[in-house]
Amino acid sequence: MIDRQLLEILVCPLDHTPLGVADEDLVARLNRAIAAGRIKNRGGQLVREAVQEGLVRHDKTILYAVIDNIPVLVVDDAIPLDQIG
C-alpha cells in the first residue's frame, strides 16, 4: 500500500486534482475488462497486465497504476475508466 504521507501530496499530472486509493471493487472491475482485452491506456496501448493497486483521480475518470508501491504517474500510461462497465 502506498504511504499516506506520499498520497497527501500526489496529484493528477493532467489537471492537478487530488488522487485517492482505488477501492477493491473498482480494481476488480478494471481487471475483468483488462482480461477481456477491452482496456487501452491514454496512449492508445492495450493494457495487458492486471492492476494490483491504483490511484484514482478525484472525479473517478482516470486510474494510475501503483507497481511495487510506486505510483506510475505517466499520462500516457493512465487508464481512462469510462472503458469499464
PDB file of N, CA and C in Angstrom:
ATOM      1  N   MET A   1       0.839  -1.187   0.000  1.00  0.00           N
ATOM      2  CA  MET A   1       0.000   0.000   0.000  1.00  0.00           C
ATOM      3  C   MET A   1       0.881   1.247   0.000  1.00  0.00           C
ATOM      4  N   ILE A   2       0.420   2.240  -0.671  1.00  0.00           N
ATOM      5  CA  ILE A   2       1.169   3.489  -0.799  1.00  0.00           C
ATOM      6  C   ILE A   2       1.177   4.258   0.531  1.00  0.00           C
ATOM      7  N   ASP A   3       2.284   4.877   0.812  1.00  0.00           N
ATOM      8  CA  ASP A   3       2.458   5.641   2.042  1.00  0.00           C
ATOM      9  C   ASP A   3       1.453   6.805   2.109  1.00  0.00           C
ATOM     10  N   ARG A   4       0.807   6.962   3.237  1.00  0.00           N
ATOM     11  CA  ARG A   4      -0.220   8.009   3.411  1.00  0.00           C
ATOM     12  C   ARG A   4       0.340   9.425   3.228  1.00  0.00           C
ATOM     13  N   GLN A   5       1.541   9.657   3.718  1.00  0.00           N
ATOM     14  CA  GLN A   5       2.135  10.991   3.563  1.00  0.00           C
ATOM     15  C   GLN A   5       2.395  11.305   2.084  1.00  0.00           C
ATOM     16  N   LEU A   6       2.822  10.303   1.335  1.00  0.00           N
ATOM     17  CA  LEU A   6       3.027  10.490  -0.092  1.00  0.00           C
ATOM     18  C   LEU A   6       1.690  10.737  -0.781  1.00  0.00           C
ATOM     19  N   LEU A   7       0.680   9.980  -0.414  1.00  0.00           N
ATOM     20  CA  LEU A   7      -0.642  10.133  -1.017  1.00  0.00           C
ATOM     21  C   LEU A   7      -1.197  11.543  -0.827  1.00  0.00           C
ATOM     22  N   GLU A   8      -0.905  12.157   0.282  1.00  0.00           N
ATOM     23  CA  GLU A   8      -1.408  13.507   0.562  1.00  0.00           C
ATOM     24  C   GLU A   8      -0.859  14.563  -0.399  1.00  0.00           C
ATOM     25  N   ILE A   9       0.297  14.306  -0.999  1.00  0.00           N
ATOM     26  CA  ILE A   9       0.886  15.313  -1.882  1.00  0.00           C
ATOM     27  C   ILE A   9       0.752  14.974  -3.370  1.00  0.00           C
ATOM     28  N   LEU A  10       0.330  13.752  -3.677  1.00  0.00           N
ATOM     29  CA  LEU A  10       0.221  13.358  -5.079  1.00  0.00           C
ATOM     30  C   LEU A  10      -1.024  13.950  -5.727  1.00  0.00           C
ATOM     31  N   VAL A  11      -0.848  14.413  -6.954  1.00  0.00           N
ATOM     32  CA  VAL A  11      -1.961  14.945  -7.735  1.00  0.00           C
ATOM     33  C   VAL A  11      -1.871  14.393  -9.152  1.00  0.00           C
ATOM     34  N   CYS A  12      -2.968  14.470  -9.858  1.00  0.00           N
ATOM     35  CA  CYS A  12      -3.013  14.050 -11.251  1.00  0.00           C
ATOM     36  C   CYS A  12      -2.127  14.983 -12.076  1.00  0.00           C
ATOM     37  N   PRO A  13      -1.222  14.442 -12.884  1.00  0.00           N
ATOM     38  CA  PRO A  13      -0.371  15.307 -13.698  1.00  0.00           C
ATOM     39  C   PRO A  13      -1.136  16.028 -14.814  1.00  0.00           C
ATOM     40  N   LEU A  14      -2.347  15.580 -15.130  1.00  0.00           N
ATOM     41  CA  LEU A  14      -3.142  16.238 -16.176  1.00  0.00           C
ATOM     42  C   LEU A  14      -3.820  17.508 -15.690  1.00  0.00           C
ATOM     43  N   ASP A  15      -4.471  17.421 -14.525  1.00  0.00           N
ATOM     44  CA  ASP A  15      -5.253  18.579 -14.073  1.00  0.00           C
ATOM     45  C   ASP A  15      -4.970  18.982 -12.623  1.00  0.00           C
ATOM     46  N   HIS A  16      -4.014  18.311 -11.995  1.00  0.00           N
ATOM     47  CA  HIS A  16      -3.558  18.646 -10.638  1.00  0.00           C
ATOM     48  C   HIS A  16      -4.629  18.453  -9.564  1.00  0.00           C
ATOM     49  N   THR A  17      -5.620  17.592  -9.830  1.00  0.00           N
ATOM     50  CA  THR A  17      -6.611  17.274  -8.804  1.00  0.00           C
ATOM     51  C   THR A  17      -6.071  16.152  -7.922  1.00  0.00           C
ATOM     52  N   PRO A  18      -6.590  16.047  -6.700  1.00  0.00           N
ATOM     53  CA  PRO A  18      -6.106  15.012  -5.783  1.00  0.00           C
ATOM     54  C   PRO A  18      -6.353  13.602  -6.309  1.00  0.00           C
ATOM     55  N   LEU A  19      -5.519  12.689  -5.831  1.00  0.00           N
ATOM     56  CA  LEU A  19      -5.658  11.275  -6.139  1.00  0.00           C
ATOM     57  C   LEU A  19      -5.983  10.524  -4.859  1.00  0.00           C
ATOM     58  N   GLY A  20      -6.755   9.464  -5.001  1.00  0.00           N
ATOM     59  CA  GLY A  20      -7.077   8.610  -3.859  1.00  0.00           C
ATOM     60  C   GLY A  20      -6.864   7.158  -4.236  1.00  0.00           C
ATOM     61  N   VAL A  21      -6.831   6.310  -3.251  1.00  0.00           N
ATOM     62  CA  VAL A  21      -6.626   4.880  -3.473  1.00  0.00           C
ATOM     63  C   VAL A  21      -7.886   4.276  -4.093  1.00  0.00           C
ATOM     64  N   ALA A  22      -7.708   3.536  -5.174  1.00  0.00           N
ATOM     65  CA  ALA A  22      -8.822   2.856  -5.828  1.00  0.00           C
ATOM     66  C   ALA A  22      -9.324   1.726  -4.934  1.00  0.00           C
ATOM     67  N   ASP A  23     -10.639   1.613  -4.797  1.00  0.00           N
ATOM     68  CA  ASP A  23     -11.174   0.548  -3.948  1.00  0.00           C
ATOM     69  C   ASP A  23     -11.110  -0.801  -4.669  1.00  0.00           C
ATOM     70  N   GLU A  24     -11.258  -1.867  -3.893  1.00  0.00           N
ATOM     71  CA  GLU A  24     -11.126  -3.226  -4.423  1.00  0.00           C
ATOM     72  C   GLU A  24     -12.130  -3.520  -5.530  1.00  0.00           C
ATOM     73  N   ASP A  25     -13.342  -3.006  -5.410  1.00  0.00           N
ATOM     74  CA  ASP A  25     -14.362  -3.242  -6.421  1.00  0.00           C
ATOM     75  C   ASP A  25     -13.951  -2.639  -7.764  1.00  0.00           C
ATOM     76  N   LEU A  26     -13.455  -1.422  -7.746  1.00  0.00           N
ATOM     77  CA  LEU A  26     -13.016  -0.770  -8.976  1.00  0.00           C
ATOM     78  C   LEU A  26     -11.873  -1.543  -9.613  1.00  0.00           C
ATOM     79  N   VAL A  27     -10.904  -1.951  -8.816  1.00  0.00           N
ATOM     80  CA  VAL A  27      -9.762  -2.705  -9.334  1.00  0.00           C
ATOM     81  C   VAL A  27     -10.235  -4.033  -9.929  1.00  0.00           C
ATOM     82  N   ALA A  28     -11.171  -4.693  -9.273  1.00  0.00           N
ATOM     83  CA  ALA A  28     -11.686  -5.970  -9.780  1.00  0.00           C
ATOM     84  C   ALA A  28     -12.416  -5.784 -11.105  1.00  0.00           C
ATOM     85  N   ARG A  29     -13.262  -4.746 -11.204  1.00  0.00           N
ATOM     86  CA  ARG A  29     -13.969  -4.489 -12.459  1.00  0.00           C
ATOM     87  C   ARG A  29     -12.995  -4.145 -13.577  1.00  0.00           C
ATOM     88  N   LEU A  30     -11.996  -3.345 -13.260  1.00  0.00           N
ATOM     89  CA  LEU A  30     -10.977  -2.987 -14.236  1.00  0.00           C
ATOM     90  C   LEU A  30     -10.227  -4.228 -14.710  1.00  0.00           C
ATOM     91  N   ASN A  31      -9.850  -5.088 -13.795  1.00  0.00           N
ATOM     92  CA  ASN A  31      -9.098  -6.286 -14.162  1.00  0.00           C
ATOM     93  C   ASN A  31      -9.928  -7.254 -15.005  1.00  0.00           C
ATOM     94  N   ARG A  32     -11.229  -7.319 -14.776  1.00  0.00           N
ATOM     95  CA  ARG A  32     -12.082  -8.148 -15.639  1.00  0.00           C
ATOM     96  C   ARG A  32     -12.070  -7.591 -17.068  1.00  0.00           C
ATOM     97  N   ALA A  33     -12.146  -6.280 -17.188  1.00  0.00           N
ATOM     98  CA  ALA A  33     -12.122  -5.654 -18.513  1.00  0.00           C
ATOM     99  C   ALA A  33     -10.754  -5.812 -19.173  1.00  0.00           C
ATOM    100  N   ILE A  34      -9.679  -5.745 -18.397  1.00  0.00           N
ATOM    101  CA  ILE A  34      -8.338  -5.972 -18.938  1.00  0.00           C
ATOM    102  C   ILE A  34      -8.237  -7.401 -19.461  1.00  0.00           C
ATOM    103  N   ALA A  35      -8.705  -8.371 -18.679  1.00  0.00           N
ATOM    104  CA  ALA A  35      -8.660  -9.780 -19.088  1.00  0.00           C
ATOM    105  C   ALA A  35      -9.462 -10.020 -20.363  1.00  0.00           C
ATOM    106  N   ALA A  36     -10.519  -9.242 -20.552  1.00  0.00           N
ATOM    107  CA  ALA A  36     -11.350  -9.364 -21.750  1.00  0.00           C
ATOM    108  C   ALA A  36     -10.752  -8.621 -22.946  1.00  0.00           C
ATOM    109  N   GLY A  37      -9.641  -7.925 -22.749  1.00  0.00           N
ATOM    110  CA  GLY A  37      -8.974  -7.218 -23.839  1.00  0.00           C
ATOM    111  C   GLY A  37      -9.661  -5.932 -24.259  1.00  0.00           C
ATOM    112  N   ARG A  38     -10.373  -5.301 -23.316  1.00  0.00           N
ATOM    113  CA  ARG A  38     -11.146  -4.097 -23.652  1.00  0.00           C
ATOM    114  C   ARG A  38     -10.523  -2.793 -23.184  1.00  0.00           C
ATOM    115  N   ILE A  39      -9.369  -2.827 -22.547  1.00  0.00           N
ATOM    116  CA  ILE A  39      -8.830  -1.616 -21.917  1.00  0.00           C
ATOM    117  C   ILE A  39      -7.574  -1.133 -22.625  1.00  0.00           C
ATOM    118  N   LYS A  40      -7.593   0.142 -22.993  1.00  0.00           N
ATOM    119  CA  LYS A  40      -6.415   0.808 -23.539  1.00  0.00           C
ATOM    120  C   LYS A  40      -6.049   1.970 -22.622  1.00  0.00           C
ATOM    121  N   ASN A  41      -4.769   2.245 -22.546  1.00  0.00           N
ATOM    122  CA  ASN A  41      -4.333   3.400 -21.759  1.00  0.00           C
ATOM    123  C   ASN A  41      -4.501   4.668 -22.589  1.00  0.00           C
ATOM    124  N   ARG A  42      -4.205   5.824 -21.990  1.00  0.00           N
ATOM    125  CA  ARG A  42      -4.375   7.103 -22.702  1.00  0.00           C
ATOM    126  C   ARG A  42      -3.473   7.208 -23.921  1.00  0.00           C
ATOM    127  N   GLY A  43      -2.406   6.450 -23.946  1.00  0.00           N
ATOM    128  CA  GLY A  43      -1.513   6.446 -25.096  1.00  0.00           C
ATOM    129  C   GLY A  43      -2.002   5.556 -26.230  1.00  0.00           C
ATOM    130  N   GLY A  44      -3.132   4.859 -26.011  1.00  0.00           N
ATOM    131  CA  GLY A  44      -3.706   4.011 -27.045  1.00  0.00           C
ATOM    132  C   GLY A  44      -3.221   2.579 -27.049  1.00  0.00           C
ATOM    133  N   GLN A  45      -2.390   2.223 -26.081  1.00  0.00           N
ATOM    134  CA  GLN A  45      -1.861   0.867 -25.999  1.00  0.00           C
ATOM    135  C   GLN A  45      -2.806  -0.028 -25.194  1.00  0.00           C
ATOM    136  N   LEU A  46      -2.963  -1.265 -25.644  1.00  0.00           N
ATOM    137  CA  LEU A  46      -3.769  -2.231 -24.922  1.00  0.00           C
ATOM    138  C   LEU A  46      -3.101  -2.553 -23.585  1.00  0.00           C
ATOM    139  N   VAL A  47      -3.873  -2.503 -22.516  1.00  0.00           N
ATOM    140  CA  VAL A  47      -3.355  -2.854 -21.186  1.00  0.00           C
ATOM    141  C   VAL A  47      -3.449  -4.369 -21.065  1.00  0.00           C
ATOM    142  N   ARG A  48      -2.325  -5.019 -20.833  1.00  0.00           N
ATOM    143  CA  ARG A  48      -2.278  -6.481 -20.807  1.00  0.00           C
ATOM    144  C   ARG A  48      -2.109  -7.059 -19.404  1.00  0.00           C
ATOM    145  N   GLU A  49      -1.588  -6.261 -18.484  1.00  0.00           N
ATOM    146  CA  GLU A  49      -1.328  -6.766 -17.135  1.00  0.00           C
ATOM    147  C   GLU A  49      -2.369  -6.256 -16.163  1.00  0.00           C
ATOM    148  N   ALA A  50      -2.812  -7.145 -15.290  1.00  0.00           N
ATOM    149  CA  ALA A  50      -3.778  -6.776 -14.266  1.00  0.00           C
ATOM    150  C   ALA A  50      -3.176  -5.727 -13.334  1.00  0.00           C
ATOM    151  N   VAL A  51      -4.044  -4.902 -12.790  1.00  0.00           N
ATOM    152  CA  VAL A  51      -3.647  -3.855 -11.844  1.00  0.00           C
ATOM    153  C   VAL A  51      -3.809  -4.408 -10.432  1.00  0.00           C
ATOM    154  N   GLN A  52      -2.760  -4.317  -9.642  1.00  0.00           N
ATOM    155  CA  GLN A  52      -2.834  -4.773  -8.250  1.00  0.00           C
ATOM    156  C   GLN A  52      -3.366  -3.672  -7.334  1.00  0.00           C
ATOM    157  N   GLU A  53      -2.892  -2.459  -7.580  1.00  0.00           N
ATOM    158  CA  GLU A  53      -3.332  -1.275  -6.842  1.00  0.00           C
ATOM    159  C   GLU A  53      -3.394  -0.117  -7.816  1.00  0.00           C
ATOM    160  N   GLY A  54      -4.159   0.904  -7.451  1.00  0.00           N
ATOM    161  CA  GLY A  54      -4.223   2.064  -8.304  1.00  0.00           C
ATOM    162  C   GLY A  54      -4.588   3.313  -7.541  1.00  0.00           C
ATOM    163  N   LEU A  55      -4.267   4.438  -8.147  1.00  0.00           N
ATOM    164  CA  LEU A  55      -4.685   5.732  -7.636  1.00  0.00           C
ATOM    165  C   LEU A  55      -5.689   6.286  -8.624  1.00  0.00           C
ATOM    166  N   VAL A  56      -6.810   6.710  -8.118  1.00  0.00           N
ATOM    167  CA  VAL A  56      -7.865   7.208  -8.982  1.00  0.00           C
ATOM    168  C   VAL A  56      -8.011   8.707  -8.773  1.00  0.00           C
ATOM    169  N   ARG A  57      -8.205   9.397  -9.887  1.00  0.00           N
ATOM    170  CA  ARG A  57      -8.408  10.834  -9.815  1.00  0.00           C
ATOM    171  C   ARG A  57      -9.697  11.127  -9.065  1.00  0.00           C
ATOM    172  N   HIS A  58      -9.749  12.273  -8.433  1.00  0.00           N
ATOM    173  CA  HIS A  58     -10.878  12.654  -7.583  1.00  0.00           C
ATOM    174  C   HIS A  58     -12.226  12.549  -8.304  1.00  0.00           C
ATOM    175  N   ASP A  59     -12.247  12.823  -9.611  1.00  0.00           N
ATOM    176  CA  ASP A  59     -13.501  12.744 -10.368  1.00  0.00           C
ATOM    177  C   ASP A  59     -13.807  11.329 -10.865  1.00  0.00           C
ATOM    178  N   LYS A  60     -12.970  10.366 -10.487  1.00  0.00           N
ATOM    179  CA  LYS A  60     -13.158   8.944 -10.802  1.00  0.00           C
ATOM    180  C   LYS A  60     -13.116   8.641 -12.301  1.00  0.00           C
ATOM    181  N   THR A  61     -12.376   9.418 -13.078  1.00  0.00           N
ATOM    182  CA  THR A  61     -12.327   9.195 -14.520  1.00  0.00           C
ATOM    183  C   THR A  61     -11.026   8.558 -15.003  1.00  0.00           C
ATOM    184  N   ILE A  62      -9.973   8.621 -14.200  1.00  0.00           N
ATOM    185  CA  ILE A  62      -8.666   8.104 -14.619  1.00  0.00           C
ATOM    186  C   ILE A  62      -8.015   7.373 -13.450  1.00  0.00           C
ATOM    187  N   LEU A  63      -7.367   6.251 -13.791  1.00  0.00           N
ATOM    188  CA  LEU A  63      -6.634   5.483 -12.790  1.00  0.00           C
ATOM    189  C   LEU A  63      -5.169   5.405 -13.194  1.00  0.00           C
ATOM    190  N   TYR A  64      -4.302   5.590 -12.215  1.00  0.00           N
ATOM    191  CA  TYR A  64      -2.866   5.412 -12.388  1.00  0.00           C
ATOM    192  C   TYR A  64      -2.472   4.171 -11.595  1.00  0.00           C
ATOM    193  N   ALA A  65      -1.783   3.236 -12.245  1.00  0.00           N
ATOM    194  CA  ALA A  65      -1.364   2.013 -11.566  1.00  0.00           C
ATOM    195  C   ALA A  65      -0.300   2.319 -10.517  1.00  0.00           C
ATOM    196  N   VAL A  66      -0.281   1.497  -9.495  1.00  0.00           N
ATOM    197  CA  VAL A  66       0.774   1.525  -8.482  1.00  0.00           C
ATOM    198  C   VAL A  66       1.485   0.180  -8.589  1.00  0.00           C
ATOM    199  N   ILE A  67       2.771   0.222  -8.918  1.00  0.00           N
ATOM    200  CA  ILE A  67       3.540  -1.001  -9.106  1.00  0.00           C
ATOM    201  C   ILE A  67       4.650  -1.045  -8.068  1.00  0.00           C
ATOM    202  N   ASP A  68       4.660  -2.106  -7.265  1.00  0.00           N
ATOM    203  CA  ASP A  68       5.651  -2.253  -6.191  1.00  0.00           C
ATOM    204  C   ASP A  68       5.684  -1.023  -5.289  1.00  0.00           C
ATOM    205  N   ASN A  69       4.499  -0.533  -4.941  1.00  0.00           N
ATOM    206  CA  ASN A  69       4.313   0.627  -4.063  1.00  0.00           C
ATOM    207  C   ASN A  69       4.778   1.948  -4.678  1.00  0.00           C
ATOM    208  N   ILE A  70       4.999   1.969  -5.991  1.00  0.00           N
ATOM    209  CA  ILE A  70       5.417   3.187  -6.676  1.00  0.00           C
ATOM    210  C   ILE A  70       4.320   3.602  -7.652  1.00  0.00           C
ATOM    211  N   PRO A  71       3.730   4.788  -7.453  1.00  0.00           N
ATOM    212  CA  PRO A  71       2.706   5.249  -8.381  1.00  0.00           C
ATOM    213  C   PRO A  71       3.314   5.606  -9.733  1.00  0.00           C
ATOM    214  N   VAL A  72       2.691   5.125 -10.796  1.00  0.00           N
ATOM    215  CA  VAL A  72       3.150   5.402 -12.152  1.00  0.00           C
ATOM    216  C   VAL A  72       2.293   6.551 -12.688  1.00  0.00           C
ATOM    217  N   LEU A  73       2.782   7.770 -12.503  1.00  0.00           N
ATOM    218  CA  LEU A  73       2.027   8.962 -12.869  1.00  0.00           C
ATOM    219  C   LEU A  73       2.432   9.477 -14.244  1.00  0.00           C
ATOM    220  N   VAL A  74       2.465   8.574 -15.190  1.00  0.00           N
ATOM    221  CA  VAL A  74       2.772   8.894 -16.584  1.00  0.00           C
ATOM    222  C   VAL A  74       1.442   9.039 -17.309  1.00  0.00           C
ATOM    223  N   VAL A  75       1.209  10.180 -17.907  1.00  0.00           N
ATOM    224  CA  VAL A  75      -0.083  10.482 -18.518  1.00  0.00           C
ATOM    225  C   VAL A  75      -0.481   9.426 -19.554  1.00  0.00           C
ATOM    226  N   ASP A  76       0.437   9.032 -20.427  1.00  0.00           N
ATOM    227  CA  ASP A  76       0.097   8.047 -21.457  1.00  0.00           C
ATOM    228  C   ASP A  76      -0.199   6.661 -20.881  1.00  0.00           C
ATOM    229  N   ASP A  77       0.282   6.360 -19.679  1.00  0.00           N
ATOM    230  CA  ASP A  77       0.016   5.073 -19.043  1.00  0.00           C
ATOM    231  C   ASP A  77      -1.266   5.079 -18.213  1.00  0.00           C
ATOM    232  N   ALA A  78      -1.855   6.230 -18.015  1.00  0.00           N
ATOM    233  CA  ALA A  78      -3.092   6.341 -17.243  1.00  0.00           C
ATOM    234  C   ALA A  78      -4.211   5.568 -17.952  1.00  0.00           C
ATOM    235  N   ILE A  79      -5.145   5.038 -17.164  1.00  0.00           N
ATOM    236  CA  ILE A  79      -6.239   4.254 -17.715  1.00  0.00           C
ATOM    237  C   ILE A  79      -7.538   5.020 -17.562  1.00  0.00           C
ATOM    238  N   PRO A  80      -8.150   5.424 -18.686  1.00  0.00           N
ATOM    239  CA  PRO A  80      -9.463   6.067 -18.613  1.00  0.00           C
ATOM    240  C   PRO A  80     -10.513   5.056 -18.143  1.00  0.00           C
ATOM    241  N   LEU A  81     -11.253   5.412 -17.123  1.00  0.00           N
ATOM    242  CA  LEU A  81     -12.186   4.464 -16.512  1.00  0.00           C
ATOM    243  C   LEU A  81     -13.534   4.388 -17.213  1.00  0.00           C
ATOM    244  N   ASP A  82     -13.749   5.197 -18.229  1.00  0.00           N
ATOM    245  CA  ASP A  82     -15.017   5.114 -18.957  1.00  0.00           C
ATOM    246  C   ASP A  82     -15.088   3.856 -19.816  1.00  0.00           C
ATOM    247  N   GLN A  83     -14.017   3.068 -19.842  1.00  0.00           N
ATOM    248  CA  GLN A  83     -13.979   1.836 -20.628  1.00  0.00           C
ATOM    249  C   GLN A  83     -14.555   0.632 -19.896  1.00  0.00           C
ATOM    250  N   ILE A  84     -14.748   0.761 -18.596  1.00  0.00           N
ATOM    251  CA  ILE A  84     -15.282  -0.383 -17.849  1.00  0.00           C
ATOM    252  C   ILE A  84     -16.774  -0.176 -17.616  1.00  0.00           C
ATOM    253  N   GLY A  85     -17.475  -1.283 -17.571  1.00  0.00           N
ATOM    254  CA  GLY A  85     -18.919  -1.210 -17.445  1.00  0.00           C
ATOM    255  C   GLY A  85     -19.448  -1.288 -16.064  1.00  0.00           C
TER     256      GLY A  85
END
